Amino acid sequence: MTTTIQPEDIRHNLGARPVKGLRLPEFPDAGAAVRAQTHARPATAVDVLLVNPPSPDGGIWIRTQHRVGRRSREEMVWPQCSLAQLAAMLEPTYRFEIIDAIAERMTWDDFEARLRAAAPKHYLTQVTAPTLTNDMRGVMLAKSLGATTMAFGTHVTPMPMETMRDFPALDLIVRGEPELTFRELIDVLEGREAERPDWVTDMLRQTDPRWE
């Protein structure tokens, strides 16, 4: 009878041995290499972009704060007084641009190129019920560039929650007369309340005695 002597390490239960801890994986971070380029804002960048978006069908559409939107039967370009008033409220603290895509007969491709050049931190668009889905295309484009997106107009004032639920790329809605609310909102988002001009503060107090 022959007896075979097994090596010591085989005779023991190998499954009972302690297992050394495995080193955690160290994945490369390519983000740091491209972050400076992808997050860089062009020299043409603005703080706020105020928009009357392109037409859904190439025609002239009327968007205004004081009436329901419609296609212009007279082929008349409606002046964007509301956007001009909103822009005036941003003086002199913020850099801004107005794009009236209807007056400039811009296509969506033209508009996207202007939007990318403006690279806004905040995007405010006028919208109407008949062109709502079309108007939200600009909101989605702006959101893809990292902007805070806002809308105002006769449709979103009475239906804010419904609109924001249907279009999740929309961050905020400015209801009613937007000028003072909009300026106050931008100041808060930017953390620049202390830079608010006295004439804006006076208007806020005169409009709402409860304002602080």
N, C-alpha and C. Protein backbone atom coordinates (compact mmCIF):
# COMPACT_ATOMS: atom_id res chain seq x y z
N MET A 1 0.85 -1.19 0.00
CA MET A 1 0.00 0.00 0.00
C MET A 1 0.88 1.24 0.00
N THR A 2 0.54 2.14 -0.91
CA THR A 2 1.36 3.35 -1.06
C THR A 2 0.59 4.56 -0.52
N THR A 3 1.26 5.37 0.29
CA THR A 3 0.64 6.58 0.84
C THR A 3 1.25 7.81 0.17
N THR A 4 0.36 8.65 -0.35
CA THR A 4 0.83 9.88 -1.00
C THR A 4 0.67 11.05 -0.04
N ILE A 5 1.72 11.76 0.20
CA ILE A 5 1.68 12.93 1.10
C ILE A 5 1.43 14.19 0.26
N GLN A 6 0.31 14.85 0.55
CA GLN A 6 -0.03 16.06 -0.21
C GLN A 6 0.67 17.29 0.37
N PRO A 7 0.98 18.24 -0.45
CA PRO A 7 1.57 19.48 0.07
C PRO A 7 0.65 20.12 1.10
N GLU A 8 1.27 20.87 2.02
CA GLU A 8 0.53 21.47 3.13
C GLU A 8 -0.61 22.36 2.66
N ASP A 9 -0.40 23.15 1.62
CA ASP A 9 -1.42 24.11 1.19
C ASP A 9 -2.61 23.43 0.53
N ILE A 10 -2.41 22.19 0.04
CA ILE A 10 -3.52 21.49 -0.58
C ILE A 10 -4.38 20.80 0.48
N ARG A 11 -3.71 20.30 1.56
CA ARG A 11 -4.45 19.56 2.59
C ARG A 11 -5.39 20.47 3.37
N HIS A 12 -5.11 21.77 3.41
CA HIS A 12 -6.00 22.69 4.12
C HIS A 12 -7.15 23.12 3.21
N ASN A 13 -8.26 23.53 3.84
CA ASN A 13 -9.42 24.03 3.09
C ASN A 13 -9.10 25.42 2.53
N LEU A 14 -8.84 25.43 1.25
CA LEU A 14 -8.43 26.70 0.65
C LEU A 14 -9.52 27.76 0.71
N GLY A 15 -10.79 27.33 0.74
CA GLY A 15 -11.88 28.30 0.77
C GLY A 15 -11.98 29.05 2.07
N ALA A 16 -11.29 28.57 3.12
CA ALA A 16 -11.35 29.23 4.42
C ALA A 16 -10.26 30.28 4.59
N ARG A 17 -9.38 30.36 3.63
CA ARG A 17 -8.31 31.35 3.76
C ARG A 17 -8.84 32.77 3.60
N PRO A 18 -8.28 33.73 4.32
CA PRO A 18 -8.69 35.14 4.13
C PRO A 18 -8.29 35.62 2.73
N VAL A 19 -9.18 36.40 2.16
CA VAL A 19 -8.93 36.94 0.81
C VAL A 19 -8.53 38.40 0.93
N LYS A 20 -7.44 38.72 0.34
CA LYS A 20 -7.00 40.11 0.37
C LYS A 20 -8.00 41.01 -0.36
N GLY A 21 -8.17 42.23 0.16
CA GLY A 21 -9.08 43.18 -0.46
C GLY A 21 -8.64 43.57 -1.87
N LEU A 22 -9.59 43.68 -2.75
CA LEU A 22 -9.26 44.04 -4.12
C LEU A 22 -9.13 45.56 -4.25
N ARG A 23 -8.25 45.99 -5.06
CA ARG A 23 -8.07 47.42 -5.28
C ARG A 23 -9.25 47.96 -6.08
N LEU A 24 -9.80 49.09 -5.67
CA LEU A 24 -10.92 49.69 -6.37
C LEU A 24 -10.46 50.15 -7.75
N PRO A 25 -11.35 50.06 -8.74
CA PRO A 25 -10.97 50.51 -10.08
C PRO A 25 -10.73 52.02 -10.11
N GLU A 26 -9.80 52.43 -10.92
CA GLU A 26 -9.49 53.84 -11.09
C GLU A 26 -9.73 54.20 -12.55
N PHE A 27 -10.96 54.66 -12.82
CA PHE A 27 -11.31 55.01 -14.19
C PHE A 27 -10.72 56.37 -14.55
N PRO A 28 -10.26 56.54 -15.77
CA PRO A 28 -9.74 57.86 -16.17
C PRO A 28 -10.87 58.88 -16.25
N ASP A 29 -10.58 60.13 -15.91
CA ASP A 29 -11.56 61.22 -15.99
C ASP A 29 -11.19 62.11 -17.16
N ALA A 30 -11.86 61.88 -18.29
CA ALA A 30 -11.58 62.69 -19.49
C ALA A 30 -12.26 64.04 -19.41
N GLY A 31 -13.21 64.19 -18.47
CA GLY A 31 -13.95 65.44 -18.38
C GLY A 31 -13.06 66.63 -18.11
N ALA A 32 -12.04 66.43 -17.25
CA ALA A 32 -11.17 67.54 -16.91
C ALA A 32 -10.44 68.08 -18.14
N ALA A 33 -10.17 67.20 -19.10
CA ALA A 33 -9.42 67.61 -20.29
C ALA A 33 -10.26 68.47 -21.23
N VAL A 34 -11.57 68.25 -21.23
CA VAL A 34 -12.42 68.96 -22.20
C VAL A 34 -13.30 70.00 -21.53
N ARG A 35 -13.31 70.03 -20.19
CA ARG A 35 -14.25 70.92 -19.49
C ARG A 35 -14.03 72.39 -19.85
N ALA A 36 -12.78 72.80 -19.92
CA ALA A 36 -12.50 74.20 -20.21
C ALA A 36 -13.03 74.60 -21.58
N GLN A 37 -13.02 73.66 -22.52
CA GLN A 37 -13.51 73.96 -23.86
C GLN A 37 -15.03 73.89 -23.94
N THR A 38 -15.62 72.85 -23.36
CA THR A 38 -17.06 72.67 -23.49
C THR A 38 -17.84 73.67 -22.65
N HIS A 39 -17.25 74.18 -21.57
CA HIS A 39 -17.95 75.11 -20.70
C HIS A 39 -17.57 76.56 -20.96
N ALA A 40 -16.65 76.78 -21.87
CA ALA A 40 -16.24 78.14 -22.17
C ALA A 40 -17.35 78.89 -22.89
N ARG A 41 -17.59 80.15 -22.50
CA ARG A 41 -18.61 80.96 -23.14
C ARG A 41 -17.95 81.87 -24.16
N PRO A 42 -18.55 82.03 -25.34
CA PRO A 42 -17.94 82.87 -26.36
C PRO A 42 -17.96 84.35 -25.97
N ALA A 43 -17.18 85.14 -26.70
CA ALA A 43 -17.12 86.58 -26.43
C ALA A 43 -18.47 87.25 -26.66
N THR A 44 -19.32 86.62 -27.47
CA THR A 44 -20.65 87.17 -27.77
C THR A 44 -21.70 86.78 -26.74
N ALA A 45 -21.30 86.07 -25.69
CA ALA A 45 -22.26 85.56 -24.71
C ALA A 45 -22.95 86.70 -23.96
N VAL A 46 -24.20 86.45 -23.59
CA VAL A 46 -25.00 87.43 -22.85
C VAL A 46 -25.51 86.80 -21.56
N ASP A 47 -25.92 87.66 -20.65
CA ASP A 47 -26.55 87.16 -19.42
C ASP A 47 -27.98 86.71 -19.70
N VAL A 48 -28.69 87.52 -20.48
CA VAL A 48 -30.11 87.27 -20.72
C VAL A 48 -30.41 87.40 -22.20
N LEU A 49 -31.16 86.42 -22.73
CA LEU A 49 -31.63 86.47 -24.11
C LEU A 49 -33.15 86.55 -24.10
N LEU A 50 -33.68 87.59 -24.75
CA LEU A 50 -35.12 87.82 -24.81
C LEU A 50 -35.59 87.50 -26.22
N VAL A 51 -36.61 86.64 -26.34
CA VAL A 51 -36.87 86.01 -27.64
C VAL A 51 -38.34 86.09 -28.05
N ASN A 52 -38.54 86.45 -29.32
CA ASN A 52 -39.78 86.17 -30.04
C ASN A 52 -39.40 85.09 -31.05
N PRO A 53 -39.77 83.83 -30.79
CA PRO A 53 -39.20 82.71 -31.55
C PRO A 53 -39.67 82.65 -33.01
N PRO A 54 -39.02 81.81 -33.80
CA PRO A 54 -39.40 81.69 -35.21
C PRO A 54 -40.83 81.22 -35.40
N SER A 55 -41.31 81.45 -36.62
CA SER A 55 -42.67 81.06 -37.00
C SER A 55 -42.76 79.55 -37.19
N PRO A 56 -43.91 78.97 -36.91
CA PRO A 56 -44.06 77.53 -37.15
C PRO A 56 -44.21 77.16 -38.63
N ASP A 57 -44.58 78.14 -39.45
CA ASP A 57 -44.87 77.82 -40.85
C ASP A 57 -44.26 78.80 -41.85
N GLY A 58 -43.37 79.65 -41.39
CA GLY A 58 -42.75 80.62 -42.28
C GLY A 58 -43.55 81.91 -42.44
N GLY A 59 -44.77 81.95 -41.88
CA GLY A 59 -45.59 83.15 -41.96
C GLY A 59 -45.28 84.12 -40.84
N ILE A 60 -46.03 85.23 -40.83
CA ILE A 60 -45.87 86.23 -39.79
C ILE A 60 -46.91 85.99 -38.70
N TRP A 61 -46.44 85.70 -37.51
CA TRP A 61 -47.32 85.45 -36.37
C TRP A 61 -47.21 86.61 -35.39
N ILE A 62 -48.34 86.93 -34.78
CA ILE A 62 -48.39 87.99 -33.78
C ILE A 62 -48.32 87.36 -32.39
N ARG A 63 -47.28 87.70 -31.66
CA ARG A 63 -47.18 87.32 -30.25
C ARG A 63 -47.07 88.60 -29.44
N THR A 64 -47.95 88.78 -28.50
CA THR A 64 -47.92 89.97 -27.66
C THR A 64 -48.49 89.64 -26.30
N GLN A 65 -48.13 90.44 -25.33
CA GLN A 65 -48.56 90.21 -23.96
C GLN A 65 -50.04 90.49 -23.77
N HIS A 66 -50.67 91.20 -24.71
CA HIS A 66 -52.01 91.72 -24.48
C HIS A 66 -53.10 91.14 -25.38
N ARG A 67 -52.79 90.08 -26.10
CA ARG A 67 -53.82 89.43 -26.92
C ARG A 67 -53.41 88.00 -27.23
N VAL A 68 -54.39 87.21 -27.61
CA VAL A 68 -54.11 85.83 -28.01
C VAL A 68 -53.35 85.85 -29.33
N GLY A 69 -52.34 85.02 -29.44
CA GLY A 69 -51.54 84.99 -30.65
C GLY A 69 -52.33 84.51 -31.86
N ARG A 70 -51.94 85.00 -33.01
CA ARG A 70 -52.58 84.58 -34.26
C ARG A 70 -51.64 84.86 -35.42
N ARG A 71 -51.96 84.25 -36.55
CA ARG A 71 -51.23 84.54 -37.78
C ARG A 71 -51.71 85.88 -38.32
N SER A 72 -50.80 86.71 -38.76
CA SER A 72 -51.17 88.04 -39.21
C SER A 72 -51.86 87.99 -40.58
N ARG A 73 -53.12 88.36 -40.60
CA ARG A 73 -53.85 88.40 -41.88
C ARG A 73 -53.33 89.54 -42.75
N GLU A 74 -52.84 90.58 -42.10
CA GLU A 74 -52.37 91.76 -42.84
C GLU A 74 -50.90 91.66 -43.24
N GLU A 75 -50.24 90.54 -42.84
CA GLU A 75 -48.81 90.39 -43.09
C GLU A 75 -48.02 91.54 -42.44
N MET A 76 -48.48 91.97 -41.25
CA MET A 76 -47.84 93.07 -40.53
C MET A 76 -47.00 92.51 -39.39
N VAL A 77 -45.75 92.97 -39.32
CA VAL A 77 -44.88 92.56 -38.22
C VAL A 77 -45.26 93.35 -36.97
N TRP A 78 -45.61 92.63 -35.91
CA TRP A 78 -46.06 93.27 -34.67
C TRP A 78 -44.84 93.67 -33.84
N PRO A 79 -44.70 94.96 -33.49
CA PRO A 79 -43.53 95.39 -32.71
C PRO A 79 -43.47 94.69 -31.35
N GLN A 80 -42.30 94.26 -30.97
CA GLN A 80 -42.11 93.56 -29.70
C GLN A 80 -41.81 94.55 -28.57
N CYS A 81 -42.82 95.36 -28.25
CA CYS A 81 -42.65 96.35 -27.19
C CYS A 81 -42.40 95.69 -25.84
N SER A 82 -43.03 94.54 -25.61
CA SER A 82 -42.86 93.87 -24.32
C SER A 82 -41.41 93.43 -24.12
N LEU A 83 -40.77 92.93 -25.18
CA LEU A 83 -39.37 92.52 -25.06
C LEU A 83 -38.47 93.74 -24.84
N ALA A 84 -38.81 94.86 -25.49
CA ALA A 84 -38.02 96.08 -25.29
C ALA A 84 -38.14 96.59 -23.86
N GLN A 85 -39.34 96.52 -23.30
CA GLN A 85 -39.55 96.95 -21.92
C GLN A 85 -38.80 96.05 -20.94
N LEU A 86 -38.84 94.76 -21.20
CA LEU A 86 -38.11 93.82 -20.34
C LEU A 86 -36.60 94.08 -20.41
N ALA A 87 -36.11 94.37 -21.60
CA ALA A 87 -34.69 94.66 -21.76
C ALA A 87 -34.30 95.93 -21.00
N ALA A 88 -35.19 96.93 -21.04
CA ALA A 88 -34.90 98.18 -20.33
C ALA A 88 -34.77 97.96 -18.83
N MET A 89 -35.51 96.98 -18.31
CA MET A 89 -35.44 96.68 -16.88
C MET A 89 -34.10 96.08 -16.47
N LEU A 90 -33.35 95.57 -17.43
CA LEU A 90 -32.06 94.93 -17.12
C LEU A 90 -30.89 95.91 -17.08
N GLU A 91 -31.12 97.11 -17.57
CA GLU A 91 -30.07 98.14 -17.57
C GLU A 91 -29.79 98.59 -16.14
N PRO A 92 -28.56 98.92 -15.82
CA PRO A 92 -27.32 98.71 -16.59
C PRO A 92 -26.56 97.48 -16.11
N THR A 93 -27.21 96.64 -15.34
CA THR A 93 -26.50 95.57 -14.62
C THR A 93 -26.12 94.39 -15.50
N TYR A 94 -26.98 94.08 -16.48
CA TYR A 94 -26.81 92.83 -17.22
C TYR A 94 -26.57 93.07 -18.70
N ARG A 95 -25.87 92.12 -19.29
CA ARG A 95 -25.68 92.13 -20.74
C ARG A 95 -26.79 91.30 -21.36
N PHE A 96 -27.47 91.86 -22.35
CA PHE A 96 -28.64 91.17 -22.91
C PHE A 96 -28.70 91.36 -24.42
N GLU A 97 -29.56 90.56 -25.03
CA GLU A 97 -29.82 90.67 -26.47
C GLU A 97 -31.28 90.32 -26.72
N ILE A 98 -31.88 90.99 -27.69
CA ILE A 98 -33.24 90.68 -28.14
C ILE A 98 -33.16 90.02 -29.51
N ILE A 99 -33.85 88.90 -29.67
CA ILE A 99 -33.98 88.27 -30.99
C ILE A 99 -35.46 88.26 -31.34
N ASP A 100 -35.82 89.02 -32.36
CA ASP A 100 -37.19 88.98 -32.90
C ASP A 100 -37.13 88.18 -34.19
N ALA A 101 -37.31 86.88 -34.05
CA ALA A 101 -37.15 85.99 -35.20
C ALA A 101 -38.23 86.21 -36.26
N ILE A 102 -39.39 86.71 -35.85
CA ILE A 102 -40.46 86.99 -36.82
C ILE A 102 -40.07 88.16 -37.70
N ALA A 103 -39.61 89.25 -37.08
CA ALA A 103 -39.22 90.44 -37.85
C ALA A 103 -38.03 90.14 -38.76
N GLU A 104 -37.13 89.28 -38.30
CA GLU A 104 -35.94 88.96 -39.10
C GLU A 104 -36.16 87.79 -40.04
N ARG A 105 -37.38 87.24 -40.06
CA ARG A 105 -37.73 86.10 -40.92
C ARG A 105 -36.73 84.95 -40.76
N MET A 106 -36.42 84.63 -39.53
CA MET A 106 -35.42 83.61 -39.24
C MET A 106 -36.01 82.22 -39.31
N THR A 107 -35.25 81.29 -39.86
CA THR A 107 -35.59 79.87 -39.77
C THR A 107 -35.10 79.35 -38.42
N TRP A 108 -35.48 78.11 -38.09
CA TRP A 108 -34.99 77.53 -36.84
C TRP A 108 -33.49 77.29 -36.89
N ASP A 109 -32.95 76.99 -38.05
CA ASP A 109 -31.50 76.83 -38.17
C ASP A 109 -30.79 78.15 -37.91
N ASP A 110 -31.33 79.24 -38.48
CA ASP A 110 -30.77 80.57 -38.23
C ASP A 110 -30.83 80.90 -36.74
N PHE A 111 -31.98 80.59 -36.15
CA PHE A 111 -32.18 80.91 -34.74
C PHE A 111 -31.21 80.14 -33.85
N GLU A 112 -31.02 78.87 -34.14
CA GLU A 112 -30.12 78.06 -33.32
C GLU A 112 -28.69 78.60 -33.38
N ALA A 113 -28.28 79.06 -34.56
CA ALA A 113 -26.93 79.63 -34.69
C ALA A 113 -26.79 80.88 -33.83
N ARG A 114 -27.83 81.74 -33.84
CA ARG A 114 -27.80 82.95 -33.01
C ARG A 114 -27.83 82.60 -31.52
N LEU A 115 -28.60 81.59 -31.20
CA LEU A 115 -28.70 81.16 -29.80
C LEU A 115 -27.35 80.66 -29.30
N ARG A 116 -26.67 79.87 -30.09
CA ARG A 116 -25.37 79.34 -29.69
C ARG A 116 -24.35 80.47 -29.55
N ALA A 117 -24.43 81.47 -30.41
CA ALA A 117 -23.52 82.61 -30.30
C ALA A 117 -23.79 83.42 -29.04
N ALA A 118 -25.07 83.54 -28.67
CA ALA A 118 -25.44 84.31 -27.48
C ALA A 118 -25.13 83.56 -26.19
N ALA A 119 -25.20 82.23 -26.24
CA ALA A 119 -24.90 81.37 -25.08
C ALA A 119 -25.44 81.97 -23.79
N PRO A 120 -26.74 82.21 -23.71
CA PRO A 120 -27.28 82.95 -22.55
C PRO A 120 -27.28 82.12 -21.27
N LYS A 121 -27.13 82.81 -20.15
CA LYS A 121 -27.36 82.16 -18.86
C LYS A 121 -28.86 81.99 -18.62
N HIS A 122 -29.63 82.97 -19.08
CA HIS A 122 -31.08 82.96 -18.87
C HIS A 122 -31.78 83.25 -20.20
N TYR A 123 -32.81 82.49 -20.47
CA TYR A 123 -33.53 82.55 -21.75
C TYR A 123 -34.99 82.82 -21.44
N LEU A 124 -35.52 83.94 -21.95
CA LEU A 124 -36.94 84.27 -21.76
C LEU A 124 -37.60 84.36 -23.12
N THR A 125 -38.68 83.61 -23.29
CA THR A 125 -39.38 83.60 -24.57
C THR A 125 -40.83 84.00 -24.42
N GLN A 126 -41.32 84.73 -25.38
CA GLN A 126 -42.75 85.00 -25.49
C GLN A 126 -43.41 83.79 -26.16
N VAL A 127 -44.54 83.33 -25.63
CA VAL A 127 -45.23 82.18 -26.21
C VAL A 127 -46.71 82.48 -26.33
N THR A 128 -47.36 81.76 -27.24
CA THR A 128 -48.81 81.86 -27.41
C THR A 128 -49.39 80.46 -27.55
N ALA A 129 -50.69 80.34 -27.31
CA ALA A 129 -51.33 79.02 -27.38
C ALA A 129 -51.26 78.40 -28.78
N PRO A 130 -51.55 79.14 -29.87
CA PRO A 130 -51.53 78.49 -31.18
C PRO A 130 -50.14 78.01 -31.62
N THR A 131 -49.09 78.62 -31.07
CA THR A 131 -47.73 78.25 -31.49
C THR A 131 -46.94 77.63 -30.34
N LEU A 132 -47.60 77.14 -29.32
CA LEU A 132 -46.91 76.74 -28.09
C LEU A 132 -45.86 75.65 -28.32
N THR A 133 -46.24 74.57 -29.00
CA THR A 133 -45.29 73.49 -29.24
C THR A 133 -44.09 73.99 -30.04
N ASN A 134 -44.35 74.79 -31.04
CA ASN A 134 -43.28 75.39 -31.83
C ASN A 134 -42.39 76.27 -30.96
N ASP A 135 -42.99 77.11 -30.12
CA ASP A 135 -42.22 78.03 -29.29
C ASP A 135 -41.32 77.30 -28.30
N MET A 136 -41.78 76.14 -27.84
CA MET A 136 -40.99 75.39 -26.86
C MET A 136 -39.75 74.73 -27.48
N ARG A 137 -39.68 74.72 -28.78
CA ARG A 137 -38.46 74.21 -29.41
C ARG A 137 -37.27 75.08 -29.00
N GLY A 138 -37.48 76.39 -28.94
CA GLY A 138 -36.41 77.28 -28.50
C GLY A 138 -36.03 77.04 -27.05
N VAL A 139 -37.03 76.75 -26.22
CA VAL A 139 -36.77 76.44 -24.81
C VAL A 139 -35.87 75.21 -24.70
N MET A 140 -36.18 74.18 -25.46
CA MET A 140 -35.38 72.96 -25.39
C MET A 140 -33.96 73.18 -25.90
N LEU A 141 -33.81 74.00 -26.94
CA LEU A 141 -32.48 74.31 -27.44
C LEU A 141 -31.68 75.07 -26.39
N ALA A 142 -32.32 76.06 -25.77
CA ALA A 142 -31.63 76.86 -24.75
C ALA A 142 -31.26 76.00 -23.54
N LYS A 143 -32.16 75.11 -23.17
CA LYS A 143 -31.88 74.23 -22.03
C LYS A 143 -30.69 73.33 -22.31
N SER A 144 -30.56 72.87 -23.56
CA SER A 144 -29.43 72.01 -23.92
C SER A 144 -28.11 72.74 -23.82
N LEU A 145 -28.14 74.08 -23.85
CA LEU A 145 -26.93 74.88 -23.71
C LEU A 145 -26.69 75.31 -22.27
N GLY A 146 -27.55 74.86 -21.36
CA GLY A 146 -27.35 75.15 -19.95
C GLY A 146 -28.05 76.37 -19.42
N ALA A 147 -28.93 76.98 -20.21
CA ALA A 147 -29.62 78.19 -19.77
C ALA A 147 -30.76 77.87 -18.82
N THR A 148 -31.06 78.82 -17.93
CA THR A 148 -32.31 78.78 -17.19
C THR A 148 -33.40 79.27 -18.13
N THR A 149 -34.46 78.50 -18.30
CA THR A 149 -35.47 78.81 -19.31
C THR A 149 -36.73 79.35 -18.66
N MET A 150 -37.28 80.41 -19.27
CA MET A 150 -38.47 81.07 -18.75
C MET A 150 -39.40 81.43 -19.91
N ALA A 151 -40.68 81.56 -19.59
CA ALA A 151 -41.66 81.94 -20.61
C ALA A 151 -42.67 82.90 -19.99
N PHE A 152 -43.26 83.73 -20.85
CA PHE A 152 -44.36 84.60 -20.43
C PHE A 152 -45.33 84.74 -21.58
N GLY A 153 -46.52 85.19 -21.28
CA GLY A 153 -47.52 85.37 -22.34
C GLY A 153 -48.91 85.01 -21.87
N THR A 154 -49.87 85.19 -22.78
CA THR A 154 -51.28 85.02 -22.43
C THR A 154 -51.67 83.56 -22.20
N HIS A 155 -50.90 82.63 -22.70
CA HIS A 155 -51.23 81.22 -22.46
C HIS A 155 -50.69 80.72 -21.13
N VAL A 156 -49.44 81.05 -20.84
CA VAL A 156 -48.82 80.48 -19.64
C VAL A 156 -49.26 81.18 -18.35
N THR A 157 -49.76 82.42 -18.44
CA THR A 157 -50.21 83.10 -17.22
C THR A 157 -51.35 82.35 -16.54
N PRO A 158 -52.41 81.94 -17.26
CA PRO A 158 -53.48 81.21 -16.59
C PRO A 158 -53.23 79.71 -16.45
N MET A 159 -52.21 79.19 -17.12
CA MET A 159 -51.96 77.74 -17.09
C MET A 159 -50.49 77.43 -16.82
N PRO A 160 -49.93 77.93 -15.73
CA PRO A 160 -48.49 77.72 -15.50
C PRO A 160 -48.11 76.28 -15.22
N MET A 161 -48.82 75.63 -14.30
CA MET A 161 -48.44 74.28 -13.90
C MET A 161 -48.65 73.28 -15.04
N GLU A 162 -49.75 73.44 -15.77
CA GLU A 162 -50.03 72.53 -16.88
C GLU A 162 -48.95 72.65 -17.96
N THR A 163 -48.54 73.90 -18.22
CA THR A 163 -47.52 74.12 -19.25
C THR A 163 -46.18 73.52 -18.83
N MET A 164 -45.80 73.73 -17.58
CA MET A 164 -44.51 73.23 -17.11
C MET A 164 -44.51 71.70 -17.01
N ARG A 165 -45.66 71.12 -16.73
CA ARG A 165 -45.75 69.66 -16.69
C ARG A 165 -45.57 69.07 -18.09
N ASP A 166 -46.18 69.72 -19.09
CA ASP A 166 -46.10 69.20 -20.46
C ASP A 166 -44.75 69.48 -21.11
N PHE A 167 -44.05 70.51 -20.62
CA PHE A 167 -42.77 70.89 -21.22
C PHE A 167 -41.72 70.99 -20.12
N PRO A 168 -41.15 69.87 -19.70
CA PRO A 168 -40.23 69.87 -18.55
C PRO A 168 -38.93 70.64 -18.78
N ALA A 169 -38.63 71.00 -20.01
CA ALA A 169 -37.43 71.83 -20.25
C ALA A 169 -37.64 73.27 -19.80
N LEU A 170 -38.88 73.63 -19.52
CA LEU A 170 -39.21 74.99 -19.08
C LEU A 170 -39.05 75.07 -17.56
N ASP A 171 -38.17 75.94 -17.09
CA ASP A 171 -37.87 76.04 -15.66
C ASP A 171 -38.85 76.96 -14.91
N LEU A 172 -39.18 78.09 -15.52
CA LEU A 172 -39.94 79.11 -14.80
C LEU A 172 -40.94 79.78 -15.73
N ILE A 173 -42.04 80.26 -15.13
CA ILE A 173 -43.03 81.05 -15.87
C ILE A 173 -43.22 82.38 -15.14
N VAL A 174 -43.16 83.45 -15.89
CA VAL A 174 -43.40 84.78 -15.35
C VAL A 174 -44.84 85.16 -15.70
N ARG A 175 -45.68 85.25 -14.70
CA ARG A 175 -47.11 85.46 -14.92
C ARG A 175 -47.45 86.94 -14.92
N GLY A 176 -48.53 87.26 -15.64
CA GLY A 176 -49.04 88.64 -15.63
C GLY A 176 -48.09 89.60 -16.30
N GLU A 177 -48.10 90.86 -15.82
CA GLU A 177 -47.18 91.86 -16.35
C GLU A 177 -45.78 91.50 -15.89
N PRO A 178 -44.87 91.21 -16.81
CA PRO A 178 -43.63 90.53 -16.40
C PRO A 178 -42.47 91.42 -15.97
N GLU A 179 -42.52 92.72 -16.26
CA GLU A 179 -41.30 93.53 -16.18
C GLU A 179 -40.63 93.52 -14.79
N LEU A 180 -41.37 93.91 -13.76
CA LEU A 180 -40.77 94.00 -12.43
C LEU A 180 -40.44 92.63 -11.86
N THR A 181 -41.34 91.68 -12.07
CA THR A 181 -41.09 90.31 -11.59
C THR A 181 -39.84 89.75 -12.25
N PHE A 182 -39.70 90.01 -13.53
CA PHE A 182 -38.56 89.47 -14.27
C PHE A 182 -37.24 90.04 -13.74
N ARG A 183 -37.20 91.35 -13.52
CA ARG A 183 -35.96 91.96 -13.01
C ARG A 183 -35.62 91.40 -11.63
N GLU A 184 -36.61 91.30 -10.78
CA GLU A 184 -36.36 90.76 -9.44
C GLU A 184 -35.89 89.31 -9.51
N LEU A 185 -36.49 88.54 -10.39
CA LEU A 185 -36.12 87.13 -10.56
C LEU A 185 -34.67 86.98 -11.02
N ILE A 186 -34.27 87.76 -12.01
CA ILE A 186 -32.89 87.69 -12.51
C ILE A 186 -31.91 88.10 -11.41
N ASP A 187 -32.24 89.14 -10.65
CA ASP A 187 -31.36 89.56 -9.56
C ASP A 187 -31.15 88.43 -8.55
N VAL A 188 -32.22 87.71 -8.22
CA VAL A 188 -32.13 86.63 -7.25
C VAL A 188 -31.32 85.46 -7.83
N LEU A 189 -31.60 85.09 -9.08
CA LEU A 189 -30.88 83.99 -9.70
C LEU A 189 -29.38 84.28 -9.80
N GLU A 190 -29.05 85.52 -10.02
CA GLU A 190 -27.65 85.91 -10.17
C GLU A 190 -27.00 86.29 -8.84
N GLY A 191 -27.81 86.42 -7.77
CA GLY A 191 -27.27 86.85 -6.49
C GLY A 191 -26.77 88.27 -6.51
N ARG A 192 -27.47 89.14 -7.25
CA ARG A 192 -27.00 90.51 -7.43
C ARG A 192 -28.05 91.54 -6.98
N GLU A 193 -28.80 91.18 -5.95
CA GLU A 193 -29.81 92.11 -5.45
C GLU A 193 -29.19 93.44 -5.01
N ALA A 194 -27.98 93.36 -4.47
CA ALA A 194 -27.33 94.58 -3.98
C ALA A 194 -26.98 95.55 -5.11
N GLU A 195 -26.93 95.05 -6.34
CA GLU A 195 -26.60 95.90 -7.48
C GLU A 195 -27.84 96.49 -8.15
N ARG A 196 -29.00 96.22 -7.59
CA ARG A 196 -30.24 96.70 -8.20
C ARG A 196 -30.30 98.22 -8.12
N PRO A 197 -30.53 98.91 -9.23
CA PRO A 197 -30.60 100.37 -9.21
C PRO A 197 -31.75 100.87 -8.34
N ASP A 198 -31.59 102.07 -7.79
CA ASP A 198 -32.61 102.63 -6.91
C ASP A 198 -33.94 102.80 -7.64
N TRP A 199 -33.88 103.13 -8.94
CA TRP A 199 -35.14 103.37 -9.65
C TRP A 199 -35.95 102.08 -9.79
N VAL A 200 -35.28 100.93 -9.83
CA VAL A 200 -35.99 99.66 -9.88
C VAL A 200 -36.62 99.38 -8.51
N THR A 201 -35.84 99.58 -7.46
CA THR A 201 -36.36 99.38 -6.10
C THR A 201 -37.55 100.28 -5.84
N ASP A 202 -37.48 101.52 -6.27
CA ASP A 202 -38.60 102.45 -6.09
C ASP A 202 -39.85 101.96 -6.81
N MET A 203 -39.68 101.46 -8.02
CA MET A 203 -40.82 100.94 -8.77
C MET A 203 -41.43 99.72 -8.09
N LEU A 204 -40.60 98.86 -7.55
CA LEU A 204 -41.10 97.69 -6.85
C LEU A 204 -41.92 98.09 -5.62
N ARG A 205 -41.44 99.06 -4.87
CA ARG A 205 -42.16 99.51 -3.67
C ARG A 205 -43.46 100.23 -4.03
N GLN A 206 -43.43 101.03 -5.08
CA GLN A 206 -44.63 101.74 -5.48
C GLN A 206 -45.70 100.80 -6.01
N THR A 207 -45.26 99.74 -6.68
CA THR A 207 -46.20 98.78 -7.26
C THR A 207 -46.83 97.88 -6.20
N ASP A 208 -46.02 97.49 -5.22
CA ASP A 208 -46.49 96.57 -4.18
C ASP A 208 -46.01 97.07 -2.82
N PRO A 209 -46.90 97.69 -2.02
CA PRO A 209 -46.48 98.22 -0.72
C PRO A 209 -45.94 97.15 0.22
N ARG A 210 -46.26 95.88 -0.05
CA ARG A 210 -45.79 94.80 0.81
C ARG A 210 -44.39 94.34 0.44
N TRP A 211 -43.85 94.85 -0.67
CA TRP A 211 -42.54 94.40 -1.14
C TRP A 211 -41.45 94.82 -0.16
N GLU A 212 -40.51 93.94 0.08
CA GLU A 212 -39.35 94.24 0.94
C GLU A 212 -38.07 93.88 0.21
